[in-house]
Amino acid sequence: MTTVTPPKSLVIASRESALAMWQARHIQARLQALYPQCDVSILGMTTTGDQILDSPLSRIGGKGLFVKELENALADGSADLAVHSMKDVPMHLPEGFALVATGEREDPRDAFVSNTYVSLEELPDGSIVGTSSLRRQSQIQARFPHLKIESLRGNVQTRLRKLDENQYAAIILAAAGLIRLGLGERIKGFIDPAHSIPAVGQGALGIEINASRTDLIEILAPLNHVDTQLCVEAERGFSRALAGSCTVPLGAYATKQGDTISMQGFVASVDGQQMLKESVTGDAVLAEKLGQQLAQQLVARGADKILATLDGVK
């Protein structure tokens, strides 16, 4: 067995939000346990996505705004690796960068958070629900057209504060973030993925490097969780085939049992009045192709027409 020799030090680039720093510290601890002789530090950075909080992401350039500055740090050598929430990673990485590991997935479901109500079903007509996601908005509006959806930006703590200030009757957040921050008690209920198909990569961590740093691939390999990686590959294959971004209400969720991946996906109009769902099952080795197949099934039913109408609504 070959012994992996890490460099004397490694620098992790991370956003400075509490959740991003939790994720970076998690990877830092894993690396320090694997390589006790290596000094692993974190370079905290504020991204454009963190700075512009008064507009929906779909209007200001998408989730890539959360990774650009971190990639700059990888490019100029001030960091060796960057840790991302996989749901924030664009479907096409810029040239010169590579995703080399996917961490084990936390609970991928959306969480219902409210101080007064226990579920979406219980909310009275006209209740304001906060979410930053067109994916969540379209699925909620499809089931509960009597509810009012309003944009909710900011880190997890900021979103909870806005709820506590009664700006919203309820908010929808990724369960994974709340659990990782020790805020699981704020979750009133988990939304079944059949009713709210998660975002591509939701709950999974991704590790990105400068593609020229091939010396890091073997060092970071133990951080890769193969089952999660394959499921996320399938989901990203689906989104990539549909040119998915945060400007498009779509979602995909894959699970792996044995050598098989099962995945469900959807495309919708923002108001949820047009909603197409499909599912696919196949060999896990063909993860990305399964995602593409699922996308093709939706296109055959008219998903491309829904997407075409969204081009002017960004």
Protein backbone atom coordinates (compact mmCIF):
# COMPACT_ATOMS: atom_id res chain seq x y z
CA MET A 1 0.00 0.00 0.00
CA THR A 2 1.41 3.38 -1.04
CA THR A 3 1.86 5.94 1.72
CA VAL A 4 0.48 9.35 0.84
CA THR A 5 2.76 12.21 1.83
CA PRO A 6 0.87 15.48 2.27
CA PRO A 7 2.52 18.89 2.03
CA LYS A 8 3.63 20.58 5.26
CA SER A 9 0.56 22.78 5.15
CA LEU A 10 -2.82 23.03 3.44
CA VAL A 11 -5.06 26.08 3.22
CA ILE A 12 -8.84 25.68 2.84
CA ALA A 13 -10.74 28.56 1.21
CA SER A 14 -14.24 29.06 2.61
CA ARG A 15 -17.03 31.57 2.75
CA GLU A 16 -17.26 33.19 6.18
CA SER A 17 -20.88 32.35 6.97
CA ALA A 18 -21.37 30.16 10.04
CA LEU A 19 -22.49 27.21 7.91
CA ALA A 20 -19.62 27.52 5.42
CA MET A 21 -17.13 27.75 8.28
CA TRP A 22 -18.67 24.65 9.91
CA GLN A 23 -18.15 22.82 6.62
CA ALA A 24 -14.57 24.03 6.30
CA ARG A 25 -13.76 23.07 9.91
CA HIS A 26 -15.31 19.64 9.30
CA ILE A 27 -12.97 19.06 6.36
CA GLN A 28 -10.07 20.58 8.33
CA ALA A 29 -10.66 18.06 11.15
CA ARG A 30 -10.86 15.16 8.69
CA LEU A 31 -7.57 16.20 7.07
CA GLN A 32 -5.83 16.70 10.41
CA ALA A 33 -6.93 13.23 11.52
CA LEU A 34 -5.62 11.73 8.27
CA TYR A 35 -2.38 13.72 8.23
CA PRO A 36 -1.40 14.80 11.78
CA GLN A 37 1.93 16.19 10.53
CA CYS A 38 0.17 18.61 8.15
CA ASP A 39 -0.83 22.10 9.32
CA VAL A 40 -4.36 22.69 7.96
CA SER A 41 -5.71 26.26 8.12
CA ILE A 42 -8.81 28.06 6.84
CA LEU A 43 -8.87 31.22 4.73
CA GLY A 44 -12.24 32.89 5.30
CA MET A 45 -13.56 35.00 2.44
CA THR A 46 -16.61 37.13 1.72
CA THR A 47 -18.11 36.38 -1.69
CA THR A 48 -20.20 38.56 -3.97
CA GLY A 49 -23.19 36.33 -3.18
CA ASP A 50 -22.75 37.12 0.51
CA GLN A 51 -22.54 40.87 -0.12
CA ILE A 52 -25.62 41.40 -2.32
CA LEU A 53 -28.59 40.49 -0.13
CA ASP A 54 -31.34 42.74 -1.45
CA SER A 55 -32.03 40.80 -4.68
CA PRO A 56 -32.95 37.19 -5.47
CA LEU A 57 -29.97 35.14 -6.65
CA SER A 58 -31.74 34.50 -9.94
CA ARG A 59 -31.47 38.22 -10.72
CA ILE A 60 -27.87 38.90 -9.75
CA GLY A 61 -26.02 36.09 -11.46
CA GLY A 62 -26.79 32.82 -9.73
CA LYS A 63 -25.10 30.56 -7.26
CA GLY A 64 -21.71 30.92 -8.94
CA LEU A 65 -21.45 34.17 -6.97
CA PHE A 66 -20.74 32.03 -3.89
CA VAL A 67 -17.68 30.32 -5.38
CA LYS A 68 -15.90 32.85 -7.63
CA GLU A 69 -13.73 34.46 -4.94
CA LEU A 70 -12.78 31.03 -3.58
CA GLU A 71 -11.71 29.98 -7.07
CA ASN A 72 -9.60 33.12 -7.35
CA ALA A 73 -7.77 32.02 -4.18
CA LEU A 74 -7.16 28.60 -5.74
CA ALA A 75 -5.92 30.22 -8.95
CA ASP A 76 -3.41 32.54 -7.26
CA GLY A 77 -2.19 29.88 -4.83
CA SER A 78 -3.36 31.53 -1.60
CA ALA A 79 -5.49 28.42 -0.96
CA ASP A 80 -5.01 24.76 -1.84
CA LEU A 81 -8.63 23.60 -1.75
CA ALA A 82 -12.10 25.11 -1.42
CA VAL A 83 -15.07 23.58 0.38
CA HIS A 84 -18.54 24.22 -1.07
CA SER A 85 -22.11 23.17 -0.52
CA MET A 86 -22.61 21.13 -3.69
CA LYS A 87 -25.94 22.82 -4.34
CA ASP A 88 -24.01 26.11 -4.74
CA VAL A 89 -21.55 24.76 -7.31
CA PRO A 90 -22.38 25.77 -10.93
CA MET A 91 -23.04 22.91 -13.32
CA HIS A 92 -20.01 23.88 -15.42
CA LEU A 93 -16.79 24.71 -13.57
CA PRO A 94 -14.55 27.37 -15.10
CA GLU A 95 -11.59 25.99 -17.02
CA GLY A 96 -8.66 25.18 -14.76
CA PHE A 97 -10.64 23.89 -11.77
CA ALA A 98 -11.73 20.42 -10.70
CA LEU A 99 -14.03 18.82 -8.15
CA VAL A 100 -12.04 15.98 -6.60
CA ALA A 101 -14.14 14.78 -3.66
CA THR A 102 -17.75 14.74 -2.50
CA GLY A 103 -18.38 14.43 1.23
CA GLU A 104 -21.04 12.16 2.73
CA ARG A 105 -24.51 13.65 2.42
CA GLU A 106 -26.43 15.03 5.38
CA ASP A 107 -30.26 14.91 5.32
CA PRO A 108 -31.12 16.24 1.82
CA ARG A 109 -34.71 17.27 2.58
CA ASP A 110 -36.20 20.74 2.83
CA ALA A 111 -37.23 21.77 6.34
CA PHE A 112 -40.38 23.62 7.39
CA VAL A 113 -39.54 26.22 10.05
CA SER A 114 -42.17 28.25 11.88
CA ASN A 115 -42.84 29.56 15.37
CA THR A 116 -46.61 29.14 15.04
CA TYR A 117 -47.43 26.36 12.59
CA VAL A 118 -46.28 22.77 12.19
CA SER A 119 -46.63 22.28 8.42
CA LEU A 120 -47.39 23.96 5.12
CA GLU A 121 -50.80 22.30 5.22
CA GLU A 122 -51.67 24.24 8.38
CA LEU A 123 -50.87 27.72 7.05
CA PRO A 124 -53.94 29.99 6.58
CA ASP A 125 -54.76 31.66 3.25
CA GLY A 126 -52.39 34.50 2.40
CA SER A 127 -49.66 33.38 4.81
CA ILE A 128 -46.19 34.60 3.80
CA VAL A 129 -43.61 31.88 3.28
CA GLY A 130 -39.97 32.87 2.89
CA THR A 131 -37.55 31.13 0.54
CA SER A 132 -34.70 32.20 -1.71
CA SER A 133 -35.28 29.28 -4.06
CA LEU A 134 -37.37 29.24 -7.25
CA ARG A 135 -37.29 25.44 -6.92
CA ARG A 136 -39.03 25.58 -3.54
CA GLN A 137 -41.34 28.39 -4.62
CA SER A 138 -42.67 26.53 -7.65
CA GLN A 139 -43.33 23.33 -5.70
CA ILE A 140 -45.05 25.15 -2.84
CA GLN A 141 -47.20 27.23 -5.21
CA ALA A 142 -48.22 24.09 -7.11
CA ARG A 143 -49.61 22.51 -3.94
CA PHE A 144 -50.66 25.62 -2.02
CA PRO A 145 -51.64 28.39 -4.46
CA HIS A 146 -53.30 30.28 -1.57
CA LEU A 147 -49.91 30.97 0.08
CA LYS A 148 -47.76 34.01 -0.67
CA ILE A 149 -44.06 33.39 -1.39
CA GLU A 150 -41.56 36.15 -0.64
CA SER A 151 -37.81 36.22 -1.20
CA LEU A 152 -35.62 35.39 1.78
CA ARG A 153 -31.85 35.98 1.53
CA GLY A 154 -29.02 35.94 4.05
CA ASN A 155 -27.25 33.28 6.07
CA VAL A 156 -29.16 30.77 8.19
CA GLN A 157 -29.08 32.94 11.31
CA THR A 158 -30.32 36.00 9.40
CA ARG A 159 -33.21 34.01 7.93
CA LEU A 160 -34.21 32.69 11.35
CA ARG A 161 -34.06 36.21 12.79
CA LYS A 162 -36.41 37.48 10.08
CA LEU A 163 -38.82 34.67 10.95
CA ASP A 164 -38.56 35.52 14.65
CA GLU A 165 -39.35 39.17 13.80
CA ASN A 166 -42.64 37.90 12.30
CA GLN A 167 -41.74 38.94 8.75
CA TYR A 168 -42.88 35.47 7.66
CA ALA A 169 -45.38 32.90 8.89
CA ALA A 170 -42.88 30.20 7.96
CA ILE A 171 -39.62 29.78 6.09
CA ILE A 172 -38.21 26.83 4.16
CA LEU A 173 -34.53 25.96 4.61
CA ALA A 174 -32.28 23.04 3.78
CA ALA A 175 -32.45 20.62 6.70
CA ALA A 176 -28.72 19.87 6.32
CA GLY A 177 -27.65 23.40 7.22
CA LEU A 178 -29.80 23.55 10.34
CA ILE A 179 -28.60 20.13 11.50
CA ARG A 180 -24.93 20.97 10.91
CA LEU A 181 -25.26 24.22 12.87
CA GLY A 182 -26.91 22.45 15.81
CA LEU A 183 -30.24 24.14 15.06
CA GLY A 184 -32.23 20.98 14.36
CA GLU A 185 -34.71 21.91 17.08
CA ARG A 186 -35.94 24.78 14.87
CA ILE A 187 -37.24 22.26 12.33
CA LYS A 188 -41.01 21.80 12.76
CA GLY A 189 -41.17 19.20 10.02
CA PHE A 190 -39.28 17.66 7.11
CA ILE A 191 -40.90 17.99 3.70
CA ASP A 192 -41.15 14.66 1.88
CA PRO A 193 -38.92 14.71 -1.25
CA ALA A 194 -41.96 13.52 -3.19
CA HIS A 195 -43.55 16.92 -2.41
CA SER A 196 -40.41 19.07 -2.47
CA ILE A 197 -37.73 17.49 -4.64
CA PRO A 198 -34.41 18.76 -3.25
CA ALA A 199 -31.89 20.91 -5.06
CA VAL A 200 -29.19 19.15 -7.04
CA GLY A 201 -26.44 18.22 -4.56
CA GLN A 202 -28.40 19.40 -1.50
CA GLY A 203 -26.80 18.23 1.74
CA ALA A 204 -23.47 17.21 0.13
CA LEU A 205 -20.09 18.93 0.40
CA GLY A 206 -17.74 19.36 -2.56
CA ILE A 207 -13.99 19.89 -2.55
CA GLU A 208 -12.54 21.90 -5.43
CA ILE A 209 -8.91 22.41 -6.41
CA ASN A 210 -6.88 24.15 -9.07
CA ALA A 211 -6.77 21.47 -11.80
CA SER A 212 -2.99 21.85 -12.07
CA ARG A 213 -2.60 20.63 -8.47
CA THR A 214 -2.63 16.95 -9.33
CA ASP A 215 -0.53 16.34 -6.20
CA LEU A 216 -3.67 16.95 -4.12
CA ILE A 217 -5.91 14.36 -5.79
CA GLU A 218 -4.54 11.35 -3.87
CA ILE A 219 -4.32 13.35 -0.64
CA LEU A 220 -7.99 14.34 -0.79
CA ALA A 221 -9.27 10.98 -2.08
CA PRO A 222 -10.12 9.60 1.42
CA LEU A 223 -12.64 12.44 1.83
CA ASN A 224 -14.73 11.16 -1.07
CA HIS A 225 -17.93 9.28 -0.19
CA VAL A 226 -18.55 7.15 -3.27
CA ASP A 227 -22.32 6.64 -2.85
CA THR A 228 -22.88 10.39 -2.39
CA GLN A 229 -20.55 11.18 -5.28
CA LEU A 230 -22.49 8.93 -7.67
CA CYS A 231 -25.87 10.31 -6.58
CA VAL A 232 -24.66 13.90 -6.98
CA GLU A 233 -23.14 13.05 -10.38
CA ALA A 234 -26.54 11.77 -11.50
CA GLU A 235 -28.28 14.89 -10.24
CA ARG A 236 -25.75 17.23 -11.83
CA GLY A 237 -26.00 15.30 -15.10
CA PHE A 238 -29.74 15.99 -15.03
CA SER A 239 -29.34 19.69 -14.31
CA ARG A 240 -26.53 20.14 -16.81
CA ALA A 241 -28.65 18.57 -19.54
CA LEU A 242 -31.39 21.12 -18.81
CA ALA A 243 -28.99 24.07 -18.41
CA GLY A 244 -30.06 24.25 -14.79
CA SER A 245 -29.18 27.15 -12.51
CA CYS A 246 -30.92 29.05 -9.74
CA THR A 247 -32.83 30.91 -12.46
CA VAL A 248 -34.65 27.69 -13.30
CA PRO A 249 -37.18 25.95 -11.02
CA LEU A 250 -35.92 22.40 -11.17
CA GLY A 251 -34.71 19.76 -8.76
CA ALA A 252 -33.38 16.22 -8.74
CA TYR A 253 -32.82 13.72 -5.98
CA ALA A 254 -30.98 10.42 -6.37
CA THR A 255 -30.62 7.54 -3.92
CA LYS A 256 -28.38 4.49 -4.24
CA GLN A 257 -29.20 0.96 -3.15
CA GLY A 258 -26.64 -1.68 -3.96
CA ASP A 259 -25.52 -1.07 -7.54
CA THR A 260 -28.68 0.83 -8.50
CA ILE A 261 -29.54 4.52 -8.51
CA SER A 262 -33.14 5.73 -8.42
CA MET A 263 -33.79 9.38 -9.15
CA GLN A 264 -36.73 11.72 -9.40
CA GLY A 265 -36.63 15.13 -11.03
CA PHE A 266 -38.90 17.99 -12.02
CA VAL A 267 -39.11 21.17 -14.05
CA ALA A 268 -41.77 23.80 -13.39
CA SER A 269 -42.89 27.32 -14.07
CA VAL A 270 -42.20 29.73 -11.20
CA ASP A 271 -45.88 29.85 -10.23
CA GLY A 272 -46.06 26.06 -10.17
CA GLN A 273 -48.96 25.97 -12.65
CA GLN A 274 -46.84 23.98 -15.09
CA MET A 275 -45.14 21.08 -13.35
CA LEU A 276 -43.48 18.05 -14.94
CA LYS A 277 -42.07 15.19 -12.87
CA GLU A 278 -40.32 12.01 -13.95
CA SER A 279 -38.23 9.26 -12.38
CA VAL A 280 -35.57 6.84 -13.57
CA THR A 281 -33.71 3.82 -12.21
CA GLY A 282 -30.51 2.29 -13.51
CA ASP A 283 -26.93 1.17 -13.00
CA ALA A 284 -25.03 3.43 -10.58
CA VAL A 285 -21.92 3.22 -12.77
CA LEU A 286 -23.85 5.18 -15.40
CA ALA A 287 -24.78 7.93 -12.92
CA GLU A 288 -24.37 10.95 -15.17
CA LYS A 289 -26.04 9.21 -18.12
CA LEU A 290 -29.02 8.38 -15.86
CA GLY A 291 -29.36 12.07 -15.10
CA GLN A 292 -29.28 12.88 -18.80
CA GLN A 293 -31.88 10.20 -19.45
CA LEU A 294 -34.18 11.72 -16.83
CA ALA A 295 -33.75 15.13 -18.44
CA GLN A 296 -34.62 13.68 -21.85
CA GLN A 297 -37.79 12.14 -20.44
CA LEU A 298 -38.88 15.56 -19.21
CA VAL A 299 -37.96 17.26 -22.49
CA ALA A 300 -40.10 14.68 -24.31
CA ARG A 301 -43.01 15.90 -22.21
CA GLY A 302 -42.38 19.59 -22.92
CA ALA A 303 -39.81 20.66 -20.30
CA ASP A 304 -37.89 22.60 -22.96
CA LYS A 305 -40.97 24.73 -23.62
CA ILE A 306 -41.28 25.59 -19.92
CA LEU A 307 -37.57 26.45 -19.78
CA ALA A 308 -37.86 28.63 -22.90
CA THR A 309 -40.56 30.74 -21.23
CA LEU A 310 -38.27 31.28 -18.23
CA ASP A 311 -35.51 32.87 -20.30
CA GLY A 312 -37.23 36.21 -20.08
CA VAL A 313 -38.09 35.91 -16.38
CA LYS A 314 -34.70 36.11 -14.74
